N, C-alpha and C. Protein backbone atom coordinates (compact mmCIF):
# COMPACT_ATOMS: atom_id res chain seq x y z
N UNK A 1 126.38 -100.48 -13.90
CA UNK A 1 125.57 -101.57 -13.41
C UNK A 1 125.56 -101.58 -11.90
N UNK A 2 124.93 -102.59 -11.38
CA UNK A 2 124.84 -102.73 -9.94
C UNK A 2 125.92 -103.67 -9.46
N UNK A 3 126.61 -103.27 -8.41
CA UNK A 3 127.68 -104.08 -7.83
C UNK A 3 127.38 -104.31 -6.36
N UNK A 4 127.69 -105.48 -5.88
CA UNK A 4 127.43 -105.81 -4.48
C UNK A 4 128.54 -105.23 -3.61
N UNK A 5 128.13 -104.63 -2.49
CA UNK A 5 129.07 -104.12 -1.50
C UNK A 5 128.91 -105.00 -0.27
N UNK A 6 130.00 -105.51 0.31
CA UNK A 6 129.86 -106.41 1.46
C UNK A 6 129.16 -105.73 2.62
N UNK A 7 128.27 -106.47 3.27
CA UNK A 7 127.53 -105.96 4.42
C UNK A 7 128.28 -106.30 5.70
N UNK A 8 127.90 -105.66 6.79
CA UNK A 8 128.52 -105.95 8.08
C UNK A 8 127.51 -106.64 8.98
N UNK A 9 128.01 -107.39 9.95
CA UNK A 9 127.17 -108.13 10.88
C UNK A 9 127.62 -107.78 12.29
N UNK A 10 126.66 -107.51 13.18
CA UNK A 10 126.95 -107.20 14.57
C UNK A 10 126.52 -108.39 15.42
N UNK A 11 127.45 -108.98 16.17
CA UNK A 11 127.13 -110.10 17.04
C UNK A 11 127.62 -109.79 18.44
N UNK A 12 127.00 -110.44 19.40
CA UNK A 12 127.39 -110.29 20.80
C UNK A 12 127.79 -111.66 21.33
N UNK A 13 128.96 -111.75 21.93
CA UNK A 13 129.42 -113.00 22.53
C UNK A 13 129.57 -112.77 24.02
N UNK A 14 128.94 -113.65 24.80
CA UNK A 14 129.00 -113.54 26.25
C UNK A 14 129.58 -114.83 26.82
N UNK A 15 130.18 -114.70 27.98
CA UNK A 15 130.75 -115.87 28.65
C UNK A 15 130.15 -115.94 30.05
N UNK A 16 129.81 -117.15 30.46
CA UNK A 16 129.21 -117.33 31.78
C UNK A 16 129.77 -118.60 32.41
N UNK A 17 129.97 -118.58 33.74
CA UNK A 17 130.50 -119.78 34.40
C UNK A 17 129.46 -120.90 34.51
N UNK A 18 128.18 -120.59 34.38
CA UNK A 18 127.14 -121.62 34.48
C UNK A 18 126.38 -121.71 33.17
N UNK A 19 125.61 -122.80 33.04
CA UNK A 19 124.85 -123.00 31.81
C UNK A 19 123.36 -122.72 31.98
N UNK A 20 122.95 -122.22 33.14
CA UNK A 20 121.52 -121.98 33.38
C UNK A 20 121.13 -120.52 33.11
N UNK A 21 121.71 -119.94 32.09
CA UNK A 21 121.42 -118.54 31.74
C UNK A 21 120.10 -118.47 30.97
N UNK A 22 119.30 -117.50 31.34
CA UNK A 22 118.06 -117.27 30.61
C UNK A 22 118.41 -116.51 29.34
N UNK A 23 118.11 -117.10 28.21
CA UNK A 23 118.42 -116.46 26.94
C UNK A 23 117.23 -115.65 26.46
N UNK A 24 117.54 -114.53 25.86
CA UNK A 24 116.48 -113.69 25.31
C UNK A 24 115.97 -114.33 24.02
N UNK A 25 114.67 -114.30 23.86
CA UNK A 25 114.14 -114.84 22.61
C UNK A 25 114.43 -113.85 21.49
N UNK A 26 114.82 -114.38 20.35
CA UNK A 26 115.15 -113.52 19.23
C UNK A 26 113.88 -113.06 18.54
N UNK A 27 113.89 -111.84 18.09
CA UNK A 27 112.76 -111.32 17.35
C UNK A 27 112.81 -111.87 15.93
N UNK A 28 111.65 -112.07 15.38
CA UNK A 28 111.57 -112.52 14.00
C UNK A 28 111.78 -111.31 13.10
N UNK A 29 112.85 -111.31 12.36
CA UNK A 29 113.19 -110.18 11.49
C UNK A 29 112.83 -110.56 10.07
N UNK A 30 112.06 -109.69 9.42
CA UNK A 30 111.59 -109.99 8.07
C UNK A 30 112.30 -109.10 7.05
N UNK A 31 112.82 -109.71 5.98
CA UNK A 31 113.38 -108.89 4.90
C UNK A 31 112.27 -108.32 4.04
N UNK A 32 112.39 -107.06 3.67
CA UNK A 32 111.40 -106.40 2.83
C UNK A 32 112.11 -105.69 1.69
N UNK A 33 111.56 -105.82 0.49
CA UNK A 33 112.15 -105.18 -0.68
C UNK A 33 111.65 -103.74 -0.78
N UNK A 34 112.58 -102.82 -1.01
CA UNK A 34 112.26 -101.41 -1.21
C UNK A 34 113.02 -100.91 -2.42
N UNK A 35 112.58 -99.79 -2.95
CA UNK A 35 113.30 -99.13 -4.04
C UNK A 35 113.75 -97.77 -3.53
N UNK A 36 115.06 -97.55 -3.57
CA UNK A 36 115.62 -96.24 -3.25
C UNK A 36 115.73 -95.48 -4.57
N UNK A 37 114.96 -94.44 -4.71
CA UNK A 37 114.98 -93.65 -5.93
C UNK A 37 115.84 -92.41 -5.67
N UNK A 38 116.94 -92.32 -6.42
CA UNK A 38 117.86 -91.19 -6.28
C UNK A 38 117.74 -90.31 -7.51
N UNK A 39 117.41 -89.05 -7.29
CA UNK A 39 117.33 -88.08 -8.37
C UNK A 39 118.69 -87.37 -8.46
N UNK A 40 119.46 -87.69 -9.49
CA UNK A 40 120.81 -87.17 -9.67
C UNK A 40 120.76 -86.03 -10.69
N UNK A 41 120.95 -84.82 -10.23
CA UNK A 41 120.82 -83.68 -11.12
C UNK A 41 122.17 -83.27 -11.71
N UNK A 42 123.10 -82.85 -10.88
CA UNK A 42 124.37 -82.34 -11.40
C UNK A 42 125.42 -82.29 -10.31
N UNK A 43 126.65 -81.97 -10.72
CA UNK A 43 127.76 -81.76 -9.79
C UNK A 43 128.38 -80.41 -10.11
N UNK A 44 129.03 -79.83 -9.12
CA UNK A 44 129.72 -78.56 -9.32
C UNK A 44 130.95 -78.50 -8.42
N UNK A 45 131.82 -77.53 -8.70
CA UNK A 45 133.02 -77.28 -7.90
C UNK A 45 133.90 -78.52 -7.75
N UNK A 46 134.02 -79.30 -8.83
CA UNK A 46 134.87 -80.49 -8.77
C UNK A 46 136.33 -80.05 -8.78
N UNK A 47 137.06 -80.43 -7.74
CA UNK A 47 138.45 -80.03 -7.57
C UNK A 47 139.36 -81.19 -7.96
N UNK A 48 139.82 -81.15 -9.20
CA UNK A 48 140.77 -82.17 -9.62
C UNK A 48 141.69 -81.56 -10.67
N UNK A 49 142.96 -81.82 -10.50
CA UNK A 49 143.94 -81.35 -11.46
C UNK A 49 143.95 -82.31 -12.64
N UNK A 50 144.18 -81.78 -13.81
CA UNK A 50 144.27 -82.65 -14.98
C UNK A 50 143.66 -81.97 -16.19
N UNK A 51 143.42 -82.77 -17.19
CA UNK A 51 142.90 -82.22 -18.44
C UNK A 51 141.43 -81.89 -18.31
N UNK A 52 140.94 -81.07 -19.22
CA UNK A 52 139.53 -80.70 -19.23
C UNK A 52 138.65 -81.77 -19.83
N UNK A 53 139.25 -82.88 -20.27
CA UNK A 53 138.49 -83.96 -20.89
C UNK A 53 138.05 -85.02 -19.88
N UNK A 54 138.14 -84.74 -18.60
CA UNK A 54 137.75 -85.73 -17.59
C UNK A 54 136.25 -85.97 -17.65
N UNK A 55 135.88 -87.23 -17.42
CA UNK A 55 134.47 -87.62 -17.39
C UNK A 55 134.15 -88.11 -15.98
N UNK A 56 133.06 -87.59 -15.42
CA UNK A 56 132.72 -87.87 -14.03
C UNK A 56 131.38 -88.60 -13.95
N UNK A 57 131.25 -89.38 -12.91
CA UNK A 57 130.01 -90.09 -12.64
C UNK A 57 129.72 -90.10 -11.15
N UNK A 58 128.49 -90.45 -10.83
CA UNK A 58 128.05 -90.54 -9.44
C UNK A 58 127.62 -91.98 -9.18
N UNK A 59 128.07 -92.51 -8.06
CA UNK A 59 127.68 -93.86 -7.63
C UNK A 59 126.86 -93.72 -6.36
N UNK A 60 125.72 -94.40 -6.31
CA UNK A 60 124.85 -94.40 -5.14
C UNK A 60 124.86 -95.81 -4.56
N UNK A 61 125.17 -95.93 -3.26
CA UNK A 61 125.22 -97.24 -2.61
C UNK A 61 124.39 -97.22 -1.34
N UNK A 62 123.68 -98.32 -1.10
CA UNK A 62 122.86 -98.44 0.11
C UNK A 62 122.59 -99.92 0.35
N UNK A 63 122.70 -100.35 1.58
CA UNK A 63 122.34 -101.71 2.01
C UNK A 63 123.01 -102.78 1.16
N UNK A 64 124.29 -102.58 0.85
CA UNK A 64 125.04 -103.60 0.14
C UNK A 64 124.86 -103.62 -1.37
N UNK A 65 124.13 -102.67 -1.92
CA UNK A 65 123.92 -102.60 -3.37
C UNK A 65 124.37 -101.23 -3.85
N UNK A 66 124.73 -101.13 -5.14
CA UNK A 66 125.11 -99.84 -5.69
C UNK A 66 124.71 -99.76 -7.16
N UNK A 67 124.60 -98.53 -7.64
CA UNK A 67 124.27 -98.24 -9.03
C UNK A 67 124.94 -96.92 -9.36
N UNK A 68 125.24 -96.69 -10.63
CA UNK A 68 125.94 -95.46 -10.98
C UNK A 68 125.35 -94.81 -12.22
N UNK A 69 125.59 -93.51 -12.31
CA UNK A 69 125.16 -92.74 -13.47
C UNK A 69 126.15 -92.97 -14.61
N UNK A 70 125.77 -92.65 -15.83
CA UNK A 70 126.77 -92.66 -16.89
C UNK A 70 127.77 -91.53 -16.67
N UNK A 71 128.99 -91.73 -17.13
CA UNK A 71 130.03 -90.71 -16.97
C UNK A 71 129.83 -89.62 -18.02
N UNK A 72 129.88 -88.37 -17.56
CA UNK A 72 129.73 -87.21 -18.44
C UNK A 72 130.94 -86.30 -18.30
N UNK A 73 131.26 -85.53 -19.35
CA UNK A 73 132.42 -84.63 -19.26
C UNK A 73 132.20 -83.55 -18.22
N UNK A 74 133.29 -83.16 -17.54
CA UNK A 74 133.24 -82.14 -16.49
C UNK A 74 133.54 -80.80 -17.05
N UNK A 75 133.68 -79.78 -16.26
CA UNK A 75 133.81 -79.77 -14.81
C UNK A 75 132.47 -79.68 -14.08
N UNK A 76 131.37 -79.62 -14.82
CA UNK A 76 130.05 -79.49 -14.21
C UNK A 76 129.08 -80.45 -14.90
N UNK A 77 129.22 -81.76 -14.68
CA UNK A 77 128.36 -82.72 -15.37
C UNK A 77 126.90 -82.60 -14.93
N UNK A 78 126.00 -82.70 -15.90
CA UNK A 78 124.55 -82.63 -15.63
C UNK A 78 123.93 -83.96 -16.04
N UNK A 79 123.60 -84.78 -15.05
CA UNK A 79 123.02 -86.08 -15.35
C UNK A 79 121.52 -85.98 -15.58
N UNK A 80 120.83 -85.22 -14.79
CA UNK A 80 119.38 -84.99 -14.90
C UNK A 80 118.63 -86.32 -15.10
N UNK A 81 118.87 -87.25 -14.19
CA UNK A 81 118.26 -88.57 -14.29
C UNK A 81 117.93 -89.09 -12.89
N UNK A 82 117.21 -90.18 -12.85
CA UNK A 82 116.99 -90.83 -11.55
C UNK A 82 117.47 -92.27 -11.66
N UNK A 83 117.93 -92.79 -10.54
CA UNK A 83 118.42 -94.16 -10.44
C UNK A 83 117.53 -94.92 -9.47
N UNK A 84 117.05 -96.08 -9.88
CA UNK A 84 116.24 -96.93 -9.02
C UNK A 84 117.11 -98.07 -8.51
N UNK A 85 117.33 -98.10 -7.21
CA UNK A 85 118.17 -99.11 -6.58
C UNK A 85 117.30 -99.99 -5.69
N UNK A 86 117.21 -101.28 -6.02
CA UNK A 86 116.43 -102.21 -5.20
C UNK A 86 117.28 -102.64 -4.01
N UNK A 87 116.75 -102.40 -2.81
CA UNK A 87 117.47 -102.76 -1.60
C UNK A 87 116.57 -103.63 -0.72
N UNK A 88 117.19 -104.43 0.12
CA UNK A 88 116.47 -105.24 1.09
C UNK A 88 116.72 -104.64 2.46
N UNK A 89 115.64 -104.19 3.11
CA UNK A 89 115.74 -103.65 4.46
C UNK A 89 115.01 -104.60 5.40
N UNK A 90 115.43 -104.63 6.66
CA UNK A 90 114.90 -105.60 7.61
C UNK A 90 114.12 -104.90 8.72
N UNK A 91 113.01 -105.54 9.12
CA UNK A 91 112.19 -105.00 10.19
C UNK A 91 111.64 -106.14 11.03
N UNK A 92 111.40 -105.87 12.30
CA UNK A 92 110.79 -106.88 13.15
C UNK A 92 109.28 -106.69 13.27
N UNK A 93 108.72 -105.75 12.51
CA UNK A 93 107.28 -105.51 12.53
C UNK A 93 106.82 -105.15 11.12
N UNK A 94 105.69 -105.69 10.71
CA UNK A 94 105.15 -105.39 9.38
C UNK A 94 104.54 -103.99 9.33
N UNK A 95 104.19 -103.43 10.49
CA UNK A 95 103.54 -102.12 10.51
C UNK A 95 104.52 -100.97 10.71
N UNK A 96 105.66 -101.26 11.27
CA UNK A 96 106.66 -100.22 11.52
C UNK A 96 107.63 -100.15 10.35
N UNK A 97 108.16 -98.96 10.04
CA UNK A 97 109.16 -98.89 8.97
C UNK A 97 110.45 -99.60 9.38
N UNK A 98 111.17 -100.12 8.42
CA UNK A 98 112.41 -100.84 8.74
C UNK A 98 113.54 -99.89 9.11
N UNK A 99 114.62 -100.47 9.56
CA UNK A 99 115.82 -99.69 9.84
C UNK A 99 116.36 -99.17 8.50
N UNK A 100 116.55 -97.87 8.41
CA UNK A 100 116.99 -97.27 7.16
C UNK A 100 118.51 -97.20 7.15
N UNK A 101 119.10 -97.77 6.13
CA UNK A 101 120.55 -97.78 5.98
C UNK A 101 121.02 -96.42 5.48
N UNK A 102 122.22 -96.00 5.84
CA UNK A 102 122.76 -94.76 5.28
C UNK A 102 123.02 -94.90 3.78
N UNK A 103 122.93 -93.80 3.06
CA UNK A 103 123.14 -93.77 1.62
C UNK A 103 124.52 -93.16 1.37
N UNK A 104 125.32 -93.85 0.57
CA UNK A 104 126.67 -93.36 0.27
C UNK A 104 126.70 -92.87 -1.17
N UNK A 105 127.17 -91.63 -1.36
CA UNK A 105 127.36 -91.05 -2.69
C UNK A 105 128.85 -90.97 -2.97
N UNK A 106 129.26 -91.36 -4.17
CA UNK A 106 130.67 -91.32 -4.54
C UNK A 106 130.83 -90.57 -5.86
N UNK A 107 131.84 -89.75 -5.93
CA UNK A 107 132.22 -89.07 -7.16
C UNK A 107 133.42 -89.82 -7.73
N UNK A 108 133.31 -90.26 -8.99
CA UNK A 108 134.43 -90.97 -9.59
C UNK A 108 134.78 -90.39 -10.95
N UNK A 109 136.03 -90.56 -11.32
CA UNK A 109 136.55 -90.12 -12.61
C UNK A 109 136.72 -91.36 -13.47
N UNK A 110 135.97 -91.45 -14.56
CA UNK A 110 136.01 -92.64 -15.40
C UNK A 110 137.33 -92.74 -16.15
N UNK A 111 137.98 -91.60 -16.44
CA UNK A 111 139.24 -91.62 -17.18
C UNK A 111 140.35 -92.29 -16.36
N UNK A 112 140.46 -91.91 -15.10
CA UNK A 112 141.51 -92.47 -14.25
C UNK A 112 141.03 -93.71 -13.49
N UNK A 113 139.72 -93.93 -13.44
CA UNK A 113 139.17 -95.09 -12.74
C UNK A 113 139.23 -94.97 -11.23
N UNK A 114 139.39 -93.76 -10.71
CA UNK A 114 139.51 -93.62 -9.27
C UNK A 114 138.34 -92.85 -8.67
N UNK A 115 138.10 -93.14 -7.39
CA UNK A 115 137.10 -92.41 -6.63
C UNK A 115 137.74 -91.12 -6.12
N UNK A 116 137.07 -89.99 -6.34
CA UNK A 116 137.62 -88.71 -5.90
C UNK A 116 137.15 -88.34 -4.51
N UNK A 117 135.95 -88.74 -4.14
CA UNK A 117 135.43 -88.41 -2.82
C UNK A 117 134.08 -89.06 -2.60
N UNK A 118 133.58 -88.92 -1.38
CA UNK A 118 132.28 -89.50 -1.07
C UNK A 118 131.60 -88.74 0.06
N UNK A 119 130.31 -89.02 0.21
CA UNK A 119 129.51 -88.43 1.28
C UNK A 119 128.54 -89.49 1.78
N UNK A 120 128.21 -89.42 3.05
CA UNK A 120 127.23 -90.32 3.65
C UNK A 120 125.98 -89.50 3.95
N UNK A 121 124.86 -89.94 3.42
CA UNK A 121 123.58 -89.23 3.61
C UNK A 121 122.67 -90.08 4.48
N UNK A 122 122.03 -89.45 5.42
CA UNK A 122 121.06 -90.13 6.28
C UNK A 122 119.68 -89.68 5.82
N UNK A 123 118.88 -90.64 5.41
CA UNK A 123 117.54 -90.34 4.92
C UNK A 123 116.56 -90.88 5.95
N UNK A 124 115.74 -90.02 6.52
CA UNK A 124 114.90 -90.44 7.64
C UNK A 124 113.43 -90.59 7.30
N UNK A 125 113.00 -90.14 6.12
CA UNK A 125 111.58 -90.22 5.78
C UNK A 125 111.34 -91.33 4.77
N UNK A 126 110.37 -92.18 5.07
CA UNK A 126 110.01 -93.24 4.14
C UNK A 126 108.51 -93.11 3.83
N UNK A 127 108.20 -93.05 2.54
CA UNK A 127 106.79 -92.92 2.15
C UNK A 127 106.01 -94.14 2.58
N UNK A 128 104.78 -93.89 3.04
CA UNK A 128 103.93 -94.98 3.50
C UNK A 128 102.54 -94.82 2.90
N UNK A 129 101.76 -95.88 3.01
CA UNK A 129 100.38 -95.85 2.52
C UNK A 129 99.46 -95.42 3.65
N UNK A 130 98.37 -94.73 3.27
CA UNK A 130 97.38 -94.34 4.28
C UNK A 130 96.40 -95.50 4.50
N UNK A 131 95.33 -95.24 5.26
CA UNK A 131 94.36 -96.29 5.59
C UNK A 131 93.62 -96.81 4.37
N UNK A 132 93.53 -96.00 3.31
CA UNK A 132 92.84 -96.42 2.09
C UNK A 132 93.76 -97.13 1.11
N UNK A 133 95.05 -97.24 1.44
CA UNK A 133 96.00 -97.92 0.58
C UNK A 133 96.64 -97.01 -0.46
N UNK A 134 96.46 -95.70 -0.32
CA UNK A 134 97.08 -94.75 -1.26
C UNK A 134 98.41 -94.26 -0.71
N UNK A 135 99.38 -94.09 -1.61
CA UNK A 135 100.68 -93.58 -1.19
C UNK A 135 100.57 -92.11 -0.84
N UNK A 136 101.28 -91.69 0.19
CA UNK A 136 101.30 -90.27 0.54
C UNK A 136 102.01 -89.50 -0.56
N UNK A 137 101.64 -88.24 -0.76
CA UNK A 137 102.28 -87.47 -1.85
C UNK A 137 103.76 -87.22 -1.55
N UNK A 138 104.53 -87.13 -2.63
CA UNK A 138 105.96 -86.91 -2.49
C UNK A 138 106.30 -85.55 -3.06
N UNK A 139 107.07 -84.79 -2.31
CA UNK A 139 107.54 -83.48 -2.75
C UNK A 139 109.05 -83.57 -2.91
N UNK A 140 109.52 -83.40 -4.15
CA UNK A 140 110.95 -83.48 -4.41
C UNK A 140 111.62 -82.20 -3.94
N UNK A 141 112.60 -82.35 -3.04
CA UNK A 141 113.35 -81.19 -2.56
C UNK A 141 114.85 -81.53 -2.60
N UNK A 142 115.49 -81.32 -3.75
CA UNK A 142 116.91 -81.66 -3.86
C UNK A 142 117.78 -80.75 -3.01
N UNK A 143 118.94 -81.26 -2.62
CA UNK A 143 119.88 -80.51 -1.79
C UNK A 143 121.28 -80.68 -2.35
N UNK A 144 122.11 -79.66 -2.10
CA UNK A 144 123.52 -79.75 -2.44
C UNK A 144 124.23 -80.51 -1.32
N UNK A 145 124.96 -81.56 -1.68
CA UNK A 145 125.69 -82.39 -0.73
C UNK A 145 127.17 -82.24 -1.03
N UNK A 146 127.96 -81.90 0.00
CA UNK A 146 129.41 -81.74 -0.17
C UNK A 146 130.07 -83.11 -0.20
N UNK A 147 130.99 -83.27 -1.15
CA UNK A 147 131.74 -84.51 -1.31
C UNK A 147 133.13 -84.29 -0.73
N UNK A 148 133.53 -85.17 0.18
CA UNK A 148 134.83 -85.07 0.84
C UNK A 148 135.79 -86.11 0.26
N UNK A 149 137.03 -85.70 0.06
CA UNK A 149 138.04 -86.60 -0.48
C UNK A 149 139.40 -86.26 0.07
N UNK A 150 140.42 -86.60 -0.67
CA UNK A 150 141.79 -86.37 -0.19
C UNK A 150 142.29 -87.55 0.61
N UNK A 151 143.47 -87.41 1.15
CA UNK A 151 144.10 -88.49 1.89
C UNK A 151 143.33 -88.95 3.11
N UNK A 152 142.70 -88.01 3.83
CA UNK A 152 141.98 -88.35 5.05
C UNK A 152 140.49 -88.09 4.95
N UNK A 153 140.00 -87.78 3.76
CA UNK A 153 138.57 -87.52 3.57
C UNK A 153 138.11 -86.22 4.19
N UNK A 154 138.98 -85.21 4.22
CA UNK A 154 138.62 -83.93 4.85
C UNK A 154 138.55 -82.79 3.84
N UNK A 155 139.01 -83.01 2.62
CA UNK A 155 139.06 -81.94 1.62
C UNK A 155 137.78 -81.94 0.78
N UNK A 156 137.21 -80.74 0.57
CA UNK A 156 136.04 -80.64 -0.30
C UNK A 156 136.49 -80.85 -1.74
N UNK A 157 135.93 -81.85 -2.41
CA UNK A 157 136.31 -82.12 -3.80
C UNK A 157 135.17 -81.87 -4.78
N UNK A 158 134.01 -81.47 -4.28
CA UNK A 158 132.89 -81.17 -5.16
C UNK A 158 131.58 -81.21 -4.40
N UNK A 159 130.50 -81.00 -5.16
CA UNK A 159 129.16 -81.03 -4.59
C UNK A 159 128.22 -81.72 -5.56
N UNK A 160 127.22 -82.44 -5.03
CA UNK A 160 126.17 -83.08 -5.82
C UNK A 160 124.85 -82.40 -5.49
N UNK A 161 124.01 -82.26 -6.51
CA UNK A 161 122.62 -81.86 -6.29
C UNK A 161 121.78 -83.12 -6.44
N UNK A 162 121.26 -83.63 -5.31
CA UNK A 162 120.52 -84.89 -5.31
C UNK A 162 119.26 -84.78 -4.46
N UNK A 163 118.34 -85.66 -4.73
CA UNK A 163 117.13 -85.82 -3.93
C UNK A 163 116.84 -87.32 -3.82
N UNK A 164 116.23 -87.74 -2.72
CA UNK A 164 115.93 -89.16 -2.51
C UNK A 164 114.45 -89.37 -2.26
N UNK A 165 114.00 -90.53 -2.66
CA UNK A 165 112.61 -90.92 -2.40
C UNK A 165 112.60 -92.40 -2.01
C-alpha cells in the first residue's frame, strides 16, 4: 500500500536591529496533482546471505508518498508491472513545470522485514501537452539502477531495471 513519508521544510530566519525592513513578497505557490508512473521490471545481483526462499520487493517513494511491488522469490525477482503513485508537486507558475522531487527506490526483504539498500533517482523530463492539448509521445527507456546498502550505504547490494514516466 501507500505509506506517508515525512516531508521537509526549508525556512529562513533573519534578525535585524530595526523594524523598517523591506520584506520580499511571497510568490503564490500552487499545489498540482501528478502521477509518477514507475515501470518495475526486475532485479538482479542481489547480495544477501541466507536461504534461497527470500522474497524481495521494490518500494518507490517521491514527494512524501510511497508504493511498493508485491514481494517475489529471489534471487532475480521479475515484477513486470507498473506502479502509479499520486504525488503533489508545487509550482509558482501554471505554465512552467513544477519542482521535481527526487525518486527513491528501495530494495526490501519481506521475510526479514528489512531494507537492504536504496538509490536516489533524479528524473528531469516531465511530459507536457502541446498547443492542441495533446500529450507528447512517451518512449519507454528502462535503465539499470545500482542499489547501495550496507552500514554506510556504499556496498552494491543489487540492481533494478526501472523506467519512469
